[in-house]
Amino acid sequence: MSRHQKNRPVAAPSASLTMADLAEMAGVSKITISRALSDSPLVNRETRERLQALAHELGYKLNVSARNLRLRRSHTVAVIVEMKPSHDRTMLDPYPLILLGGISQELTAHGYSVLLTTRQGATAAAVQAADGLILLGQGSRQDAVRRFDKLGLPMVVWGAPGDEHIVVGSDNSQGGRVVAEHFIRLGRRNPVFVGNPNHPEIFERLNGFVDALAAHGIKPLLIRRDEFTLASGGDAMHSLMDRGVPFDAVFACSDLLAMGAIRALNTLGRTVPNDVSVVGYDDMPLAASFLPPLSSVRQDWQEGGTLLARKVLALIGDQPEQSETLPVELIVRET
């Protein structure tokens, strides 16, 4: 018995023991466990024997069909878009289209194909046969991450950092801070945040916004809206006006929400930016041509897509990787 096994508490064999459990006990990745139990030469002999002995001791048996599926390289990466399209927010928007462009360009350059699907198609055999997985859209409370982690594939996620997963995303906290500082410079004292902080990315934007305003003794009002659409942004403004809530600035967690807010404010007799300053998020191409041109926080989706692809390829190759956060920039226009 090796020194590692002597120092490790012995668990009783369990039919429910998973490859993830075994990997955690051994301090290696699930891919390494799979390869070791399959006598793959990609794992050195000493490590293979140690992991095989551990599996035997715990009564773990590799699922042969799953093993064959995993070890037969498909040179395909599945990209799951966890996004609910709507009339206002389509799959043709910069998110996720620009991210997909960066992903496809990088994977193609390395001889990989992209299998694009949604939540409904994630259980297809072709997805499960992929060498790796990129998830766009964590969903509320990271429910999508937990769901697709069960596929057991090397996975990289776009969004806000969380637990043990490799994540690429923008500095959402910084995004919230720069908007708050912009409002302070404009002399705004009654700001409103529109969005759903149950989403990790939106939560970080709100936190950055709140913290920066707190330094100036200002507390923003939160208007929760689940849909990132024109209609939802307009509805938020009607709600504020109906209740007689004083506000002079709006930070919307997406450009479409911001545009919907501006349209509603115009119909309600509030001018932008004289009466109310409005800032969106994403700096989609329509923001610059909107009337008035929309101020927005820009994310570098092209670089984000490239990094997602590079990191999933590293994980497929059993190389160590870490999460990465990209800077953001406030683009000030006329709102």
Protein backbone atom coordinates (compact mmCIF):
# COMPACT_ATOMS: atom_id res chain seq x y z
CA MET A 1 0.00 0.00 0.00
CA SER A 2 1.39 3.43 -0.94
CA ARG A 3 2.06 6.27 1.47
CA HIS A 4 -0.89 8.15 -0.04
CA GLN A 5 -3.27 5.30 0.72
CA LYS A 6 -1.99 4.86 4.28
CA ASN A 7 -2.77 8.49 5.09
CA ARG A 8 -6.16 8.46 3.42
CA PRO A 9 -9.25 7.32 5.33
CA VAL A 10 -10.72 4.20 3.81
CA ALA A 11 -14.32 4.52 2.69
CA ALA A 12 -16.71 1.61 2.56
CA PRO A 13 -17.48 0.38 -0.95
CA SER A 14 -20.58 2.02 -2.32
CA ALA A 15 -22.65 1.34 -5.40
CA SER A 16 -23.30 5.09 -5.63
CA LEU A 17 -19.62 6.00 -5.77
CA THR A 18 -18.97 8.14 -8.87
CA MET A 19 -15.89 8.89 -10.89
CA ALA A 20 -16.03 12.45 -9.49
CA ASP A 21 -15.93 11.02 -5.93
CA LEU A 22 -12.95 8.86 -6.80
CA ALA A 23 -11.15 11.77 -8.44
CA GLU A 24 -11.69 13.95 -5.36
CA MET A 25 -10.34 11.27 -3.03
CA ALA A 26 -7.27 10.76 -5.22
CA GLY A 27 -6.66 14.45 -5.84
CA VAL A 28 -6.77 14.12 -9.64
CA SER A 29 -9.17 14.99 -12.45
CA LYS A 30 -12.00 12.76 -13.65
CA ILE A 31 -10.23 12.39 -16.98
CA THR A 32 -7.14 11.03 -15.23
CA ILE A 33 -9.28 8.49 -13.35
CA SER A 34 -10.93 7.37 -16.59
CA ARG A 35 -7.60 7.00 -18.35
CA ALA A 36 -5.94 5.20 -15.44
CA LEU A 37 -8.74 2.65 -15.14
CA SER A 38 -8.50 2.06 -18.88
CA ASP A 39 -4.72 1.50 -18.77
CA SER A 40 -4.13 4.54 -20.94
CA PRO A 41 -0.43 5.30 -21.59
CA LEU A 42 -1.30 8.99 -21.12
CA VAL A 43 -1.09 8.31 -17.36
CA ASN A 44 2.26 7.14 -16.00
CA ARG A 45 2.49 3.59 -14.64
CA GLU A 46 2.87 4.52 -10.97
CA THR A 47 -0.19 6.77 -11.05
CA ARG A 48 -2.22 4.19 -12.97
CA GLU A 49 -1.45 1.50 -10.42
CA ARG A 50 -2.23 3.79 -7.49
CA LEU A 51 -5.59 4.82 -8.92
CA GLN A 52 -6.50 1.28 -9.96
CA ALA A 53 -5.71 0.05 -6.45
CA LEU A 54 -7.87 2.79 -4.95
CA ALA A 55 -10.78 1.94 -7.25
CA HIS A 56 -10.46 -1.77 -6.43
CA GLU A 57 -10.37 -1.05 -2.70
CA LEU A 58 -13.53 1.06 -2.89
CA GLY A 59 -15.36 -1.34 -5.19
CA TYR A 60 -15.59 1.12 -8.05
CA LYS A 61 -15.99 -0.29 -11.56
CA LEU A 62 -15.63 1.80 -14.66
CA ASN A 63 -18.64 1.88 -16.95
CA VAL A 64 -17.12 0.29 -20.04
CA SER A 65 -19.48 1.85 -22.57
CA ALA A 66 -18.98 5.29 -21.04
CA ARG A 67 -15.23 4.70 -21.02
CA ASN A 68 -15.16 3.78 -24.69
CA LEU A 69 -17.25 6.81 -25.53
CA ARG A 70 -14.93 9.12 -23.59
CA LEU A 71 -11.59 7.73 -24.75
CA ARG A 72 -12.51 7.75 -28.43
CA ARG A 73 -11.65 11.34 -29.35
CA SER A 74 -14.34 12.95 -31.46
CA HIS A 75 -12.40 16.21 -31.94
CA THR A 76 -15.67 17.96 -31.21
CA VAL A 77 -16.53 20.48 -28.52
CA ALA A 78 -20.19 20.92 -27.62
CA VAL A 79 -21.32 24.49 -27.02
CA ILE A 80 -24.56 24.70 -25.05
CA VAL A 81 -26.37 28.04 -25.19
CA GLU A 82 -28.48 28.26 -22.05
CA MET A 83 -30.60 31.16 -23.26
CA LYS A 84 -34.31 31.59 -23.78
CA PRO A 85 -34.83 33.47 -27.06
CA SER A 86 -37.66 35.98 -27.28
CA HIS A 87 -39.05 38.41 -29.84
CA ASP A 88 -36.82 41.18 -28.46
CA ARG A 89 -33.80 39.06 -27.56
CA THR A 90 -32.85 36.63 -30.31
CA MET A 91 -29.94 34.26 -30.89
CA LEU A 92 -28.68 36.81 -33.44
CA ASP A 93 -27.75 39.28 -30.71
CA PRO A 94 -24.03 39.91 -30.00
CA TYR A 95 -24.53 37.60 -27.05
CA PRO A 96 -24.11 34.80 -27.88
CA LEU A 97 -23.14 35.37 -31.53
CA ILE A 98 -19.79 37.12 -30.98
CA LEU A 99 -18.80 34.64 -28.29
CA LEU A 100 -19.57 31.82 -30.70
CA GLY A 101 -17.42 33.48 -33.35
CA GLY A 102 -14.41 33.57 -31.03
CA ILE A 103 -15.00 29.99 -29.93
CA SER A 104 -15.39 28.65 -33.47
CA GLN A 105 -12.33 30.44 -34.80
CA GLU A 106 -10.07 29.10 -32.06
CA LEU A 107 -11.40 25.54 -32.11
CA THR A 108 -11.26 25.32 -35.90
CA ALA A 109 -7.65 26.48 -35.85
CA HIS A 110 -6.88 23.47 -33.62
CA GLY A 111 -8.72 20.94 -35.78
CA TYR A 112 -11.89 20.77 -33.67
CA SER A 113 -15.50 20.98 -34.77
CA VAL A 114 -18.19 22.90 -32.87
CA LEU A 115 -21.44 21.19 -31.95
CA LEU A 116 -23.90 23.96 -31.12
CA THR A 117 -26.99 23.04 -29.11
CA THR A 118 -29.37 24.20 -26.40
CA ARG A 119 -30.54 22.71 -23.13
CA GLN A 120 -33.03 20.50 -24.94
CA GLY A 121 -30.32 18.92 -27.09
CA ALA A 122 -27.76 18.43 -24.33
CA THR A 123 -28.69 14.79 -23.77
CA ALA A 124 -28.09 13.80 -27.40
CA ALA A 125 -25.52 11.08 -28.02
CA ALA A 126 -23.39 13.46 -30.11
CA VAL A 127 -23.09 15.87 -27.17
CA GLN A 128 -22.14 13.10 -24.75
CA ALA A 129 -19.53 11.89 -27.24
CA ALA A 130 -17.89 15.33 -27.40
CA ASP A 131 -14.40 15.77 -25.98
CA GLY A 132 -15.38 18.88 -24.03
CA LEU A 133 -18.16 21.30 -23.26
CA ILE A 134 -18.52 25.09 -23.26
CA LEU A 135 -21.54 26.50 -21.46
CA LEU A 136 -22.88 29.94 -22.37
CA GLY A 137 -25.40 31.09 -19.78
CA GLN A 138 -25.16 29.83 -16.22
CA GLY A 139 -28.80 30.52 -15.50
CA SER A 140 -30.26 31.65 -12.23
CA ARG A 141 -28.21 30.42 -9.27
CA GLN A 142 -25.94 28.46 -11.63
CA ASP A 143 -28.56 25.77 -12.17
CA ALA A 144 -27.27 25.13 -15.70
CA VAL A 145 -23.74 24.52 -14.42
CA ARG A 146 -24.95 21.84 -12.04
CA ARG A 147 -27.12 20.22 -14.69
CA PHE A 148 -24.47 19.92 -17.39
CA ASP A 149 -21.70 19.00 -14.98
CA LYS A 150 -23.44 15.63 -14.74
CA LEU A 151 -22.31 14.87 -18.30
CA GLY A 152 -18.83 14.34 -16.87
CA LEU A 153 -17.09 16.26 -19.68
CA PRO A 154 -14.28 18.80 -19.30
CA MET A 155 -16.29 22.03 -19.05
CA VAL A 156 -15.60 25.75 -19.24
CA VAL A 157 -18.30 28.30 -18.42
CA TRP A 158 -18.91 31.88 -19.56
CA GLY A 159 -20.10 34.11 -16.73
CA ALA A 160 -19.29 34.85 -13.11
CA PRO A 161 -16.73 32.78 -11.14
CA GLY A 162 -18.15 30.04 -8.93
CA ASP A 163 -17.05 26.94 -6.99
CA GLU A 164 -14.57 24.65 -8.73
CA HIS A 165 -15.45 25.27 -12.37
CA ILE A 166 -13.22 27.05 -14.87
CA VAL A 167 -14.97 30.31 -15.78
CA VAL A 168 -14.22 33.05 -18.30
CA GLY A 169 -16.14 36.27 -17.87
CA SER A 170 -16.07 40.04 -17.66
CA ASP A 171 -15.31 42.03 -14.54
CA ASN A 172 -18.94 42.62 -13.67
CA SER A 173 -18.15 44.27 -10.34
CA GLN A 174 -15.99 46.80 -12.14
CA GLY A 175 -18.81 47.33 -14.60
CA GLY A 176 -21.12 48.30 -11.76
CA ARG A 177 -18.51 50.59 -10.21
CA VAL A 178 -17.78 52.58 -13.37
CA VAL A 179 -21.49 53.22 -13.92
CA ALA A 180 -21.90 54.42 -10.32
CA GLU A 181 -18.92 56.76 -10.67
CA HIS A 182 -20.39 58.08 -13.93
CA PHE A 183 -23.67 58.90 -12.23
CA ILE A 184 -21.83 60.60 -9.35
CA ARG A 185 -19.93 62.81 -11.80
CA LEU A 186 -23.25 63.79 -13.36
CA GLY A 187 -24.65 64.76 -9.95
CA ARG A 188 -27.31 62.03 -9.86
CA ARG A 189 -28.56 61.22 -6.37
CA ASN A 190 -31.49 58.83 -6.95
CA PRO A 191 -30.28 55.94 -9.13
CA VAL A 192 -32.19 52.78 -10.01
CA PHE A 193 -30.79 49.36 -10.92
CA VAL A 194 -32.93 47.21 -13.24
CA GLY A 195 -32.21 43.47 -13.47
CA ASN A 196 -32.34 40.08 -11.79
CA PRO A 197 -29.53 39.64 -9.22
CA ASN A 198 -30.29 35.91 -8.96
CA HIS A 199 -27.99 35.58 -11.98
CA PRO A 200 -24.36 35.55 -10.78
CA GLU A 201 -23.19 38.10 -13.36
CA ILE A 202 -26.02 40.51 -12.56
CA PHE A 203 -25.41 40.04 -8.84
CA GLU A 204 -21.79 41.16 -9.28
CA ARG A 205 -22.83 44.22 -11.30
CA LEU A 206 -25.29 45.20 -8.61
CA ASN A 207 -22.70 44.72 -5.84
CA GLY A 208 -20.15 46.90 -7.62
CA PHE A 209 -22.81 49.54 -8.24
CA VAL A 210 -24.03 49.54 -4.62
CA ASP A 211 -20.54 49.62 -3.10
CA ALA A 212 -19.36 52.54 -5.23
CA LEU A 213 -22.51 54.56 -4.49
CA ALA A 214 -22.29 53.79 -0.76
CA ALA A 215 -18.97 55.65 -0.62
CA HIS A 216 -20.98 58.76 -1.49
CA GLY A 217 -23.86 58.07 0.89
CA ILE A 218 -26.22 56.98 -1.90
CA LYS A 219 -28.37 53.85 -1.86
CA PRO A 220 -29.86 52.76 -5.21
CA LEU A 221 -33.31 51.30 -5.70
CA LEU A 222 -33.48 47.78 -7.12
CA ILE A 223 -36.20 46.98 -9.65
CA ARG A 224 -36.18 43.24 -10.32
CA ARG A 225 -36.88 42.18 -13.88
CA ASP A 226 -36.27 38.66 -15.16
CA GLU A 227 -36.53 39.31 -18.90
CA PHE A 228 -33.76 41.28 -20.64
CA THR A 229 -36.13 42.83 -23.19
CA LEU A 230 -37.44 46.17 -24.41
CA ALA A 231 -40.86 45.44 -22.92
CA SER A 232 -39.38 44.60 -19.53
CA GLY A 233 -37.37 47.84 -19.44
CA GLY A 234 -40.44 49.86 -20.32
CA ASP A 235 -42.52 48.10 -17.69
CA ALA A 236 -39.94 48.95 -15.02
CA MET A 237 -40.21 52.67 -15.82
CA HIS A 238 -44.02 52.61 -15.78
CA SER A 239 -43.89 50.90 -12.39
CA LEU A 240 -41.64 53.62 -10.97
CA MET A 241 -43.77 56.43 -12.36
CA ASP A 242 -47.04 54.85 -11.21
CA ARG A 243 -45.69 54.67 -7.65
CA GLY A 244 -44.33 58.19 -7.74
CA VAL A 245 -40.79 57.04 -6.93
CA PRO A 246 -38.19 59.81 -7.44
CA PHE A 247 -35.29 58.76 -9.69
CA ASP A 248 -32.80 60.55 -11.91
CA ALA A 249 -30.60 57.69 -13.19
CA VAL A 250 -31.15 54.15 -14.48
CA PHE A 251 -28.52 51.40 -14.70
CA ALA A 252 -30.01 48.55 -16.73
CA CYS A 253 -28.24 45.19 -16.74
CA SER A 254 -28.65 44.87 -20.52
CA ASP A 255 -28.86 47.26 -23.47
CA LEU A 256 -32.34 46.08 -24.42
CA LEU A 257 -33.63 46.87 -20.94
CA ALA A 258 -32.03 50.31 -21.19
CA MET A 259 -33.55 51.00 -24.61
CA GLY A 260 -36.98 49.93 -23.40
CA ALA A 261 -36.58 52.23 -20.40
CA ILE A 262 -35.69 55.21 -22.61
CA ARG A 263 -38.68 54.65 -24.90
CA ALA A 264 -41.01 54.46 -21.92
CA LEU A 265 -39.53 57.56 -20.30
CA ASN A 266 -40.08 59.53 -23.49
CA THR A 267 -43.76 58.57 -23.57
CA LEU A 268 -44.07 59.41 -19.87
CA GLY A 269 -42.74 62.94 -20.37
CA ARG A 270 -39.24 62.39 -18.87
CA THR A 271 -36.37 63.38 -21.11
CA VAL A 272 -33.09 61.45 -21.43
CA PRO A 273 -30.52 62.55 -20.36
CA ASN A 274 -31.83 65.85 -18.94
CA ASP A 275 -34.28 64.35 -16.45
CA VAL A 276 -32.89 60.82 -16.27
CA SER A 277 -29.47 59.42 -17.19
CA VAL A 278 -29.54 55.86 -18.56
CA VAL A 279 -26.70 53.34 -18.96
CA GLY A 280 -27.01 49.85 -20.41
CA TYR A 281 -24.72 46.83 -20.47
CA ASP A 282 -23.07 44.90 -23.35
CA ASP A 283 -22.63 47.77 -25.87
CA MET A 284 -24.40 45.85 -28.61
CA PRO A 285 -24.08 47.42 -32.11
CA LEU A 286 -27.58 48.89 -31.88
CA ALA A 287 -26.52 50.97 -28.86
CA ALA A 288 -24.51 53.41 -30.98
CA SER A 289 -27.32 53.94 -33.51
CA PHE A 290 -30.14 54.13 -30.97
CA LEU A 291 -31.77 57.55 -30.49
CA PRO A 292 -30.32 59.00 -28.40
CA PRO A 293 -27.10 56.93 -28.69
CA LEU A 294 -26.93 54.73 -25.62
CA SER A 295 -24.14 54.83 -23.04
CA SER A 296 -23.19 51.26 -22.18
CA VAL A 297 -20.62 48.99 -20.55
CA ARG A 298 -18.64 47.13 -23.20
CA GLN A 299 -17.58 43.49 -22.83
CA ASP A 300 -14.91 41.93 -25.05
CA TRP A 301 -16.90 38.93 -26.24
CA GLN A 302 -14.48 38.07 -29.06
CA GLU A 303 -11.60 37.62 -26.62
CA GLY A 304 -13.93 35.84 -24.23
CA GLY A 305 -14.84 33.26 -26.88
CA THR A 306 -11.18 32.71 -27.73
CA LEU A 307 -10.30 32.12 -24.08
CA LEU A 308 -13.21 29.72 -23.58
CA ALA A 309 -11.96 27.61 -26.47
CA ARG A 310 -8.33 27.66 -25.34
CA LYS A 311 -9.21 26.61 -21.82
CA VAL A 312 -11.49 23.74 -22.82
CA LEU A 313 -8.77 22.44 -25.14
CA ALA A 314 -6.32 22.56 -22.25
CA LEU A 315 -8.71 20.60 -20.04
CA ILE A 316 -9.24 18.03 -22.79
CA GLY A 317 -5.48 17.61 -22.84
CA ASP A 318 -5.51 17.12 -19.06
CA GLN A 319 -3.62 20.37 -18.54
CA PRO A 320 -4.22 22.63 -15.52
CA GLU A 321 -6.30 25.74 -16.12
CA GLN A 322 -7.77 28.57 -14.08
CA SER A 323 -10.61 31.05 -14.37
CA GLU A 324 -9.98 34.38 -16.05
CA THR A 325 -11.68 37.77 -15.80
CA LEU A 326 -11.68 40.29 -18.65
CA PRO A 327 -11.75 44.08 -18.16
CA VAL A 328 -14.78 46.17 -19.14
CA GLU A 329 -15.12 49.73 -20.42
CA LEU A 330 -17.86 52.34 -20.04
CA ILE A 331 -18.69 53.83 -23.43
CA VAL A 332 -20.24 57.24 -22.78
CA ARG A 333 -22.61 58.50 -25.44
CA GLU A 334 -25.68 60.74 -25.12
CA THR A 335 -27.87 59.10 -22.51
